């Protein structure tokens, strides 16, 4: 569906985002280029704004930001707050649960996320394994939290078909 003005011209992606955030589109463009989409070309900025609009994300509160891609360019990265926002605002969302899995020594080995949809009988279930996700970075010192974040973002992809975006760890 195209949003049009009375002159039948399509409304720009920045105008749509500006209206949603109650910000002048020109000022929003300036602010995005100076902050969360810094160093993005005009084409990359447009792509990021379109993706943010598609999922109702607010780059000013760091739901989504630009991350340098391997080989040049940028990719849209969604923070955990962005994933939570998208999941909680989806009209079919009907709840979620997490289940940790420990080995015999009581150490975390995996986390399962269950997302319940109003239009499905069974929950969508995704298990993420610590051995496949853990990185030697400071955030991964909080293994339970980080694995929960990873399980949520991956389960959200399956449950709601979110595409064209990545999480912070994959970027």
N, C-alpha and C. Protein backbone atom coordinates (compact mmCIF):
# COMPACT_ATOMS: atom_id res chain seq x y z
N UNK A 1 0.84 -1.18 0.00
CA UNK A 1 0.00 0.00 0.00
C UNK A 1 0.88 1.24 0.00
N UNK A 2 0.67 2.14 -0.94
CA UNK A 2 1.40 3.40 -0.99
C UNK A 2 0.62 4.47 -0.25
N UNK A 3 1.32 5.19 0.59
CA UNK A 3 0.72 6.35 1.23
C UNK A 3 0.93 7.51 0.28
N UNK A 4 -0.12 8.22 -0.05
CA UNK A 4 0.00 9.32 -1.01
C UNK A 4 -0.54 10.61 -0.43
N UNK A 5 -0.10 11.70 -1.03
CA UNK A 5 -0.61 13.02 -0.65
C UNK A 5 -1.77 13.37 -1.57
N UNK A 6 -2.33 14.54 -1.38
CA UNK A 6 -3.45 14.95 -2.22
C UNK A 6 -3.01 15.15 -3.67
N UNK A 7 -1.71 15.34 -3.91
CA UNK A 7 -1.22 15.47 -5.29
C UNK A 7 -0.83 14.11 -5.86
N UNK A 8 -1.13 13.04 -5.11
CA UNK A 8 -0.90 11.68 -5.54
C UNK A 8 0.58 11.32 -5.67
N UNK A 9 1.47 12.02 -4.97
CA UNK A 9 2.89 11.69 -4.95
C UNK A 9 3.15 10.82 -3.72
N UNK A 10 3.98 9.79 -3.85
CA UNK A 10 4.29 8.95 -2.69
C UNK A 10 4.96 9.79 -1.60
N UNK A 11 4.65 9.46 -0.35
CA UNK A 11 5.27 10.12 0.80
C UNK A 11 6.61 9.43 1.05
N UNK A 12 7.63 10.20 1.35
CA UNK A 12 8.96 9.63 1.54
C UNK A 12 9.02 8.81 2.83
N UNK A 13 9.98 7.88 2.84
CA UNK A 13 10.18 7.04 4.02
C UNK A 13 10.53 7.89 5.23
N UNK A 14 11.33 8.95 5.01
CA UNK A 14 11.67 9.85 6.13
C UNK A 14 10.44 10.61 6.63
N UNK A 15 9.53 10.97 5.72
CA UNK A 15 8.31 11.66 6.13
C UNK A 15 7.43 10.72 6.96
N UNK A 16 7.38 9.45 6.56
CA UNK A 16 6.59 8.46 7.32
C UNK A 16 7.19 8.29 8.72
N UNK A 17 8.52 8.12 8.78
CA UNK A 17 9.16 7.98 10.07
C UNK A 17 9.02 9.26 10.90
N UNK A 18 9.21 10.40 10.25
CA UNK A 18 9.06 11.67 10.95
C UNK A 18 7.67 11.83 11.56
N UNK A 19 6.65 11.45 10.80
CA UNK A 19 5.27 11.55 11.31
C UNK A 19 5.08 10.59 12.48
N UNK A 20 5.62 9.39 12.36
CA UNK A 20 5.49 8.39 13.43
C UNK A 20 6.19 8.84 14.70
N UNK A 21 7.34 9.53 14.56
CA UNK A 21 8.11 9.98 15.72
C UNK A 21 7.84 11.44 16.09
N UNK A 22 6.95 12.08 15.32
CA UNK A 22 6.61 13.49 15.54
C UNK A 22 7.83 14.40 15.44
N UNK A 23 8.60 14.20 14.35
CA UNK A 23 9.83 14.94 14.10
C UNK A 23 9.83 15.41 12.64
N UNK A 24 10.30 16.62 12.40
CA UNK A 24 10.42 17.15 11.05
C UNK A 24 11.35 16.22 10.24
N UNK A 25 10.92 15.76 9.04
CA UNK A 25 11.74 14.84 8.25
C UNK A 25 13.15 15.34 7.93
N UNK A 26 13.30 16.63 7.65
CA UNK A 26 14.63 17.17 7.34
C UNK A 26 15.52 17.11 8.58
N UNK A 27 14.97 17.46 9.73
CA UNK A 27 15.73 17.41 10.98
C UNK A 27 16.04 15.96 11.35
N UNK A 28 15.10 15.07 11.10
CA UNK A 28 15.31 13.65 11.36
C UNK A 28 16.45 13.12 10.50
N UNK A 29 16.46 13.48 9.22
CA UNK A 29 17.53 13.07 8.31
C UNK A 29 18.89 13.52 8.84
N UNK A 30 18.98 14.78 9.24
CA UNK A 30 20.23 15.33 9.81
C UNK A 30 20.66 14.55 11.04
N UNK A 31 19.72 14.32 11.93
CA UNK A 31 20.00 13.65 13.20
C UNK A 31 20.44 12.20 12.97
N UNK A 32 19.76 11.49 12.10
CA UNK A 32 20.12 10.10 11.82
C UNK A 32 21.52 10.01 11.22
N UNK A 33 21.84 10.93 10.30
CA UNK A 33 23.16 10.92 9.67
C UNK A 33 24.27 11.26 10.66
N UNK A 34 23.94 12.04 11.69
CA UNK A 34 24.94 12.45 12.67
C UNK A 34 25.07 11.47 13.83
N UNK A 35 24.12 10.55 13.96
CA UNK A 35 24.13 9.66 15.13
C UNK A 35 24.08 8.20 14.73
N UNK A 36 22.94 7.57 14.78
CA UNK A 36 22.83 6.11 14.63
C UNK A 36 23.11 5.58 13.24
N UNK A 37 22.96 6.40 12.21
CA UNK A 37 23.27 5.96 10.84
C UNK A 37 24.46 6.73 10.31
N UNK A 38 25.39 7.06 11.19
CA UNK A 38 26.59 7.81 10.84
C UNK A 38 27.37 7.08 9.75
N UNK A 39 27.89 7.83 8.81
CA UNK A 39 28.69 7.33 7.69
C UNK A 39 27.88 6.55 6.66
N UNK A 40 26.57 6.53 6.79
CA UNK A 40 25.73 5.86 5.78
C UNK A 40 25.58 6.77 4.57
N UNK A 41 25.62 6.16 3.39
CA UNK A 41 25.33 6.94 2.19
C UNK A 41 23.83 7.25 2.19
N UNK A 42 23.40 8.13 1.30
CA UNK A 42 21.97 8.44 1.21
C UNK A 42 21.16 7.19 0.88
N UNK A 43 21.70 6.34 0.02
CA UNK A 43 21.00 5.10 -0.35
C UNK A 43 20.91 4.14 0.83
N UNK A 44 21.99 4.02 1.58
CA UNK A 44 21.99 3.15 2.76
C UNK A 44 21.05 3.69 3.83
N UNK A 45 21.06 5.01 4.01
CA UNK A 45 20.15 5.63 4.98
C UNK A 45 18.70 5.35 4.61
N UNK A 46 18.39 5.48 3.33
CA UNK A 46 17.03 5.19 2.87
C UNK A 46 16.66 3.73 3.18
N UNK A 47 17.55 2.81 2.88
CA UNK A 47 17.27 1.39 3.14
C UNK A 47 17.04 1.15 4.63
N UNK A 48 17.84 1.77 5.47
CA UNK A 48 17.69 1.60 6.92
C UNK A 48 16.36 2.19 7.41
N UNK A 49 15.98 3.33 6.88
CA UNK A 49 14.71 3.97 7.27
C UNK A 49 13.53 3.12 6.82
N UNK A 50 13.61 2.57 5.62
CA UNK A 50 12.53 1.71 5.12
C UNK A 50 12.38 0.47 6.02
N UNK A 51 13.50 -0.14 6.39
CA UNK A 51 13.45 -1.31 7.27
C UNK A 51 12.88 -0.92 8.64
N UNK A 52 13.34 0.20 9.18
CA UNK A 52 12.82 0.66 10.47
C UNK A 52 11.32 0.90 10.40
N UNK A 53 10.85 1.50 9.31
CA UNK A 53 9.41 1.73 9.13
C UNK A 53 8.65 0.42 9.02
N UNK A 54 9.22 -0.53 8.29
CA UNK A 54 8.56 -1.83 8.09
C UNK A 54 8.23 -2.51 9.42
N UNK A 55 9.15 -2.39 10.39
CA UNK A 55 8.99 -3.07 11.66
C UNK A 55 8.63 -2.13 12.82
N UNK A 56 8.38 -0.86 12.51
CA UNK A 56 7.99 0.09 13.57
C UNK A 56 9.09 0.37 14.57
N UNK A 57 10.35 0.32 14.10
CA UNK A 57 11.49 0.53 14.98
C UNK A 57 11.88 2.00 15.04
N UNK A 58 12.39 2.41 16.18
CA UNK A 58 12.82 3.79 16.39
C UNK A 58 14.34 3.83 16.53
N UNK A 59 15.04 4.35 15.52
CA UNK A 59 16.50 4.38 15.60
C UNK A 59 17.02 5.34 16.69
N UNK A 60 16.21 6.30 17.09
CA UNK A 60 16.66 7.28 18.09
C UNK A 60 16.75 6.68 19.48
N UNK A 61 16.05 5.57 19.72
CA UNK A 61 16.17 4.87 21.00
C UNK A 61 16.95 3.57 20.82
N UNK A 62 17.66 3.50 19.71
CA UNK A 62 18.57 2.40 19.38
C UNK A 62 17.88 1.05 19.22
N UNK A 63 16.66 1.06 18.66
CA UNK A 63 16.04 -0.20 18.26
C UNK A 63 16.80 -0.77 17.07
N UNK A 64 17.29 0.10 16.20
CA UNK A 64 17.98 -0.31 14.98
C UNK A 64 19.13 0.67 14.73
N UNK A 65 20.22 0.16 14.19
CA UNK A 65 21.34 1.03 13.85
C UNK A 65 22.12 0.42 12.70
N UNK A 66 23.04 1.21 12.16
CA UNK A 66 23.86 0.77 11.03
C UNK A 66 25.13 0.12 11.56
N UNK A 67 25.52 -0.97 10.91
CA UNK A 67 26.74 -1.67 11.29
C UNK A 67 27.54 -1.93 10.02
N UNK A 68 28.85 -1.68 10.02
CA UNK A 68 29.64 -1.92 8.81
C UNK A 68 29.58 -3.38 8.38
N UNK A 69 29.31 -3.59 7.11
CA UNK A 69 29.23 -4.95 6.55
C UNK A 69 30.61 -5.38 6.07
N UNK A 70 30.84 -6.69 6.13
CA UNK A 70 32.07 -7.22 5.56
C UNK A 70 32.04 -6.94 4.07
N UNK A 71 33.10 -6.43 3.53
CA UNK A 71 33.16 -6.13 2.10
C UNK A 71 32.60 -4.76 1.75
N UNK A 72 32.27 -3.95 2.75
CA UNK A 72 31.77 -2.61 2.50
C UNK A 72 30.28 -2.48 2.69
N UNK A 73 29.84 -1.26 2.79
CA UNK A 73 28.43 -0.98 3.02
C UNK A 73 28.06 -1.17 4.48
N UNK A 74 26.76 -1.21 4.74
CA UNK A 74 26.27 -1.39 6.09
C UNK A 74 25.10 -2.37 6.09
N UNK A 75 24.83 -2.91 7.26
CA UNK A 75 23.67 -3.78 7.44
C UNK A 75 22.81 -3.22 8.56
N UNK A 76 21.49 -3.39 8.47
CA UNK A 76 20.63 -2.96 9.56
C UNK A 76 20.70 -3.97 10.71
N UNK A 77 21.09 -3.48 11.87
CA UNK A 77 21.22 -4.33 13.05
C UNK A 77 20.14 -3.92 14.05
N UNK A 78 19.43 -4.90 14.56
CA UNK A 78 18.38 -4.66 15.54
C UNK A 78 18.90 -5.05 16.91
N UNK A 79 18.80 -4.15 17.86
CA UNK A 79 19.22 -4.41 19.24
C UNK A 79 18.20 -5.32 19.91
N UNK A 80 18.54 -5.84 21.07
CA UNK A 80 17.59 -6.68 21.80
C UNK A 80 16.33 -5.89 22.11
N UNK A 81 16.45 -4.60 22.40
CA UNK A 81 15.26 -3.78 22.66
C UNK A 81 14.38 -3.69 21.42
N UNK A 82 14.99 -3.65 20.25
CA UNK A 82 14.24 -3.64 19.00
C UNK A 82 13.50 -4.95 18.78
N UNK A 83 14.19 -6.08 19.04
CA UNK A 83 13.54 -7.39 18.89
C UNK A 83 12.35 -7.50 19.84
N UNK A 84 12.54 -7.08 21.08
CA UNK A 84 11.45 -7.14 22.07
C UNK A 84 10.29 -6.26 21.62
N UNK A 85 10.60 -5.08 21.10
CA UNK A 85 9.57 -4.17 20.60
C UNK A 85 8.78 -4.82 19.45
N UNK A 86 9.48 -5.40 18.49
CA UNK A 86 8.81 -6.02 17.35
C UNK A 86 7.92 -7.18 17.79
N UNK A 87 8.44 -8.03 18.66
CA UNK A 87 7.68 -9.19 19.13
C UNK A 87 6.44 -8.74 19.90
N UNK A 88 6.63 -7.83 20.84
CA UNK A 88 5.51 -7.39 21.68
C UNK A 88 4.46 -6.60 20.92
N UNK A 89 4.83 -6.00 19.80
CA UNK A 89 3.88 -5.22 19.02
C UNK A 89 3.26 -5.99 17.86
N UNK A 90 3.65 -7.24 17.68
CA UNK A 90 3.05 -8.02 16.62
C UNK A 90 1.62 -8.39 17.02
N UNK A 91 0.66 -8.20 16.12
CA UNK A 91 -0.75 -8.44 16.50
C UNK A 91 -1.06 -9.89 16.87
N UNK A 92 -0.23 -10.85 16.44
CA UNK A 92 -0.49 -12.26 16.78
C UNK A 92 0.26 -12.74 18.02
N UNK A 93 1.04 -11.85 18.63
CA UNK A 93 1.80 -12.23 19.83
C UNK A 93 0.86 -12.61 20.96
N UNK A 94 1.15 -13.77 21.58
CA UNK A 94 0.30 -14.25 22.67
C UNK A 94 1.13 -14.76 23.85
N UNK A 95 2.38 -14.33 23.92
CA UNK A 95 3.22 -14.70 25.06
C UNK A 95 4.49 -15.40 24.64
N UNK A 96 5.45 -15.46 25.58
CA UNK A 96 6.69 -16.16 25.34
C UNK A 96 7.23 -16.71 26.63
N UNK A 97 8.07 -17.73 26.49
CA UNK A 97 8.72 -18.38 27.63
C UNK A 97 10.14 -18.74 27.25
N UNK A 98 10.97 -18.87 28.28
CA UNK A 98 12.34 -19.35 28.09
C UNK A 98 12.57 -20.55 28.99
N UNK A 99 13.39 -21.46 28.49
CA UNK A 99 13.77 -22.63 29.28
C UNK A 99 15.27 -22.83 29.12
N UNK A 100 15.99 -22.82 30.25
CA UNK A 100 17.43 -23.07 30.21
C UNK A 100 17.68 -24.57 30.31
N UNK A 101 18.73 -25.03 29.65
CA UNK A 101 19.13 -26.42 29.68
C UNK A 101 20.55 -26.48 30.23
N UNK A 102 20.75 -27.29 31.27
CA UNK A 102 22.05 -27.40 31.93
C UNK A 102 22.59 -28.82 31.77
N UNK A 103 23.92 -28.94 31.82
CA UNK A 103 24.55 -30.26 31.79
C UNK A 103 24.53 -30.86 33.20
N UNK A 104 25.14 -32.04 33.36
CA UNK A 104 25.15 -32.74 34.65
C UNK A 104 25.82 -31.92 35.75
N UNK A 105 26.75 -31.05 35.36
CA UNK A 105 27.45 -30.22 36.34
C UNK A 105 26.67 -28.94 36.67
N UNK A 106 25.50 -28.78 36.06
CA UNK A 106 24.68 -27.61 36.34
C UNK A 106 25.04 -26.39 35.51
N UNK A 107 25.91 -26.56 34.50
CA UNK A 107 26.34 -25.44 33.66
C UNK A 107 25.38 -25.26 32.48
N UNK A 108 25.14 -24.03 32.13
CA UNK A 108 24.27 -23.72 31.01
C UNK A 108 24.84 -24.27 29.70
N UNK A 109 24.00 -24.97 28.93
CA UNK A 109 24.43 -25.46 27.62
C UNK A 109 23.53 -24.97 26.50
N UNK A 110 22.28 -24.60 26.83
CA UNK A 110 21.36 -24.14 25.79
C UNK A 110 20.18 -23.40 26.43
N UNK A 111 19.49 -22.61 25.62
CA UNK A 111 18.27 -21.93 26.03
C UNK A 111 17.25 -22.10 24.92
N UNK A 112 16.02 -22.43 25.31
CA UNK A 112 14.92 -22.55 24.36
C UNK A 112 13.96 -21.40 24.58
N UNK A 113 13.52 -20.80 23.48
CA UNK A 113 12.49 -19.77 23.52
C UNK A 113 11.23 -20.35 22.90
N UNK A 114 10.11 -20.11 23.54
CA UNK A 114 8.80 -20.50 23.02
C UNK A 114 8.02 -19.22 22.79
N UNK A 115 7.53 -19.03 21.58
CA UNK A 115 6.66 -17.88 21.30
C UNK A 115 5.29 -18.44 20.93
N UNK A 116 4.29 -17.91 21.63
CA UNK A 116 2.91 -18.31 21.41
C UNK A 116 2.23 -17.27 20.53
N UNK A 117 1.55 -17.76 19.51
CA UNK A 117 0.79 -16.90 18.60
C UNK A 117 -0.70 -17.17 18.81
N UNK A 118 -1.51 -16.13 18.66
CA UNK A 118 -2.96 -16.25 18.82
C UNK A 118 -3.57 -17.15 17.75
N UNK A 119 -2.92 -17.22 16.59
CA UNK A 119 -3.50 -17.97 15.48
C UNK A 119 -2.88 -19.36 15.29
N UNK A 120 -2.16 -19.85 16.29
CA UNK A 120 -1.54 -21.18 16.20
C UNK A 120 -1.87 -21.98 17.45
N UNK A 121 -1.99 -23.27 17.26
CA UNK A 121 -2.29 -24.16 18.39
C UNK A 121 -1.04 -24.44 19.23
N UNK A 122 0.10 -24.59 18.56
CA UNK A 122 1.36 -24.93 19.23
C UNK A 122 2.31 -23.73 19.20
N UNK A 123 3.16 -23.61 20.21
CA UNK A 123 4.13 -22.50 20.18
C UNK A 123 5.23 -22.76 19.17
N UNK A 124 5.87 -21.69 18.74
CA UNK A 124 7.08 -21.82 17.93
C UNK A 124 8.21 -21.98 18.94
N UNK A 125 9.11 -22.91 18.69
CA UNK A 125 10.14 -23.28 19.66
C UNK A 125 11.50 -23.29 18.98
N UNK A 126 12.45 -22.53 19.54
CA UNK A 126 13.81 -22.50 19.01
C UNK A 126 14.79 -22.64 20.17
N UNK A 127 15.75 -23.54 19.99
CA UNK A 127 16.80 -23.75 20.99
C UNK A 127 18.12 -23.25 20.43
N UNK A 128 18.80 -22.43 21.21
CA UNK A 128 20.14 -21.95 20.85
C UNK A 128 21.13 -22.56 21.83
N UNK A 129 22.24 -23.06 21.28
CA UNK A 129 23.26 -23.74 22.09
C UNK A 129 24.43 -22.79 22.38
N UNK A 130 24.84 -22.79 23.62
CA UNK A 130 25.93 -21.91 24.04
C UNK A 130 27.19 -22.15 23.21
N UNK A 131 27.49 -23.39 22.90
CA UNK A 131 28.71 -23.72 22.15
C UNK A 131 28.72 -23.10 20.76
N UNK A 132 27.54 -22.81 20.20
CA UNK A 132 27.45 -22.22 18.86
C UNK A 132 27.37 -20.69 18.89
N UNK A 133 27.05 -20.13 20.05
CA UNK A 133 26.78 -18.69 20.12
C UNK A 133 27.82 -17.89 20.89
N UNK A 134 28.41 -18.48 21.91
CA UNK A 134 29.29 -17.75 22.81
C UNK A 134 30.48 -17.14 22.08
N UNK A 135 30.81 -15.91 22.43
CA UNK A 135 31.94 -15.19 21.85
C UNK A 135 32.85 -14.71 22.99
N UNK A 136 34.12 -14.48 22.71
CA UNK A 136 35.02 -13.98 23.76
C UNK A 136 34.92 -12.45 23.90
N UNK A 137 33.71 -11.98 24.21
CA UNK A 137 33.48 -10.54 24.40
C UNK A 137 32.86 -10.31 25.76
N UNK A 138 32.93 -9.06 26.23
CA UNK A 138 32.40 -8.73 27.56
C UNK A 138 30.93 -9.09 27.74
N UNK A 139 30.05 -8.80 26.76
CA UNK A 139 28.64 -9.17 27.00
C UNK A 139 28.43 -10.66 27.28
N UNK A 140 29.27 -11.51 26.70
CA UNK A 140 29.10 -12.95 26.89
C UNK A 140 29.56 -13.43 28.25
N UNK A 141 30.05 -12.52 29.09
CA UNK A 141 30.32 -12.89 30.49
C UNK A 141 28.99 -13.15 31.20
N UNK A 142 27.90 -12.60 30.63
CA UNK A 142 26.54 -12.83 31.14
C UNK A 142 25.88 -13.86 30.21
N UNK A 143 26.34 -15.09 30.32
CA UNK A 143 25.94 -16.16 29.39
C UNK A 143 24.43 -16.38 29.32
N UNK A 144 23.78 -16.42 30.47
CA UNK A 144 22.34 -16.68 30.49
C UNK A 144 21.58 -15.59 29.74
N UNK A 145 21.92 -14.34 30.03
CA UNK A 145 21.25 -13.21 29.38
C UNK A 145 21.48 -13.22 27.87
N UNK A 146 22.73 -13.39 27.47
CA UNK A 146 23.06 -13.32 26.05
C UNK A 146 22.43 -14.48 25.28
N UNK A 147 22.41 -15.67 25.87
CA UNK A 147 21.80 -16.80 25.17
C UNK A 147 20.28 -16.62 25.09
N UNK A 148 19.69 -16.03 26.12
CA UNK A 148 18.25 -15.71 26.08
C UNK A 148 17.97 -14.72 24.95
N UNK A 149 18.81 -13.69 24.80
CA UNK A 149 18.65 -12.72 23.71
C UNK A 149 18.73 -13.42 22.35
N UNK A 150 19.70 -14.30 22.21
CA UNK A 150 19.90 -15.01 20.94
C UNK A 150 18.70 -15.90 20.63
N UNK A 151 18.22 -16.61 21.63
CA UNK A 151 17.06 -17.49 21.44
C UNK A 151 15.83 -16.68 21.06
N UNK A 152 15.63 -15.53 21.68
CA UNK A 152 14.48 -14.69 21.36
C UNK A 152 14.53 -14.20 19.92
N UNK A 153 15.67 -13.67 19.50
CA UNK A 153 15.75 -13.12 18.14
C UNK A 153 15.55 -14.21 17.09
N UNK A 154 16.11 -15.38 17.31
CA UNK A 154 15.95 -16.46 16.34
C UNK A 154 14.52 -17.01 16.33
N UNK A 155 13.92 -17.13 17.49
CA UNK A 155 12.54 -17.61 17.56
C UNK A 155 11.59 -16.59 16.93
N UNK A 156 11.85 -15.31 17.12
CA UNK A 156 11.02 -14.26 16.52
C UNK A 156 11.04 -14.35 15.00
N UNK A 157 12.18 -14.68 14.42
CA UNK A 157 12.27 -14.85 12.96
C UNK A 157 11.31 -15.93 12.49
N UNK A 158 11.31 -17.06 13.18
CA UNK A 158 10.43 -18.17 12.81
C UNK A 158 8.96 -17.83 13.08
N UNK A 159 8.70 -17.24 14.23
CA UNK A 159 7.32 -17.00 14.64
C UNK A 159 6.63 -15.94 13.78
N UNK A 160 7.37 -14.89 13.40
CA UNK A 160 6.73 -13.77 12.72
C UNK A 160 7.31 -13.45 11.35
N UNK A 161 8.29 -14.20 10.90
CA UNK A 161 8.84 -13.99 9.57
C UNK A 161 9.64 -12.72 9.41
N UNK A 162 10.24 -12.23 10.48
CA UNK A 162 11.06 -11.03 10.38
C UNK A 162 12.27 -11.32 9.48
N UNK A 163 12.50 -10.48 8.48
CA UNK A 163 13.62 -10.70 7.57
C UNK A 163 14.25 -9.37 7.19
N UNK A 164 15.42 -9.45 6.57
CA UNK A 164 16.12 -8.24 6.14
C UNK A 164 16.84 -7.53 7.26
N UNK A 165 16.89 -8.16 8.43
CA UNK A 165 17.55 -7.58 9.60
C UNK A 165 18.40 -8.65 10.26
N UNK A 166 19.29 -8.23 11.11
CA UNK A 166 20.13 -9.17 11.84
C UNK A 166 20.24 -8.70 13.28
N UNK A 167 20.71 -9.60 14.14
CA UNK A 167 20.93 -9.20 15.53
C UNK A 167 22.37 -8.75 15.70
N UNK A 168 22.64 -8.20 16.86
CA UNK A 168 23.97 -7.62 17.11
C UNK A 168 25.08 -8.65 17.01
N UNK A 169 24.82 -9.87 17.45
CA UNK A 169 25.84 -10.91 17.43
C UNK A 169 26.18 -11.35 16.01
N UNK A 170 25.18 -11.45 15.15
CA UNK A 170 25.44 -11.90 13.78
C UNK A 170 26.14 -10.84 12.94
N UNK A 171 25.94 -9.59 13.29
CA UNK A 171 26.60 -8.51 12.55
C UNK A 171 28.08 -8.50 12.86
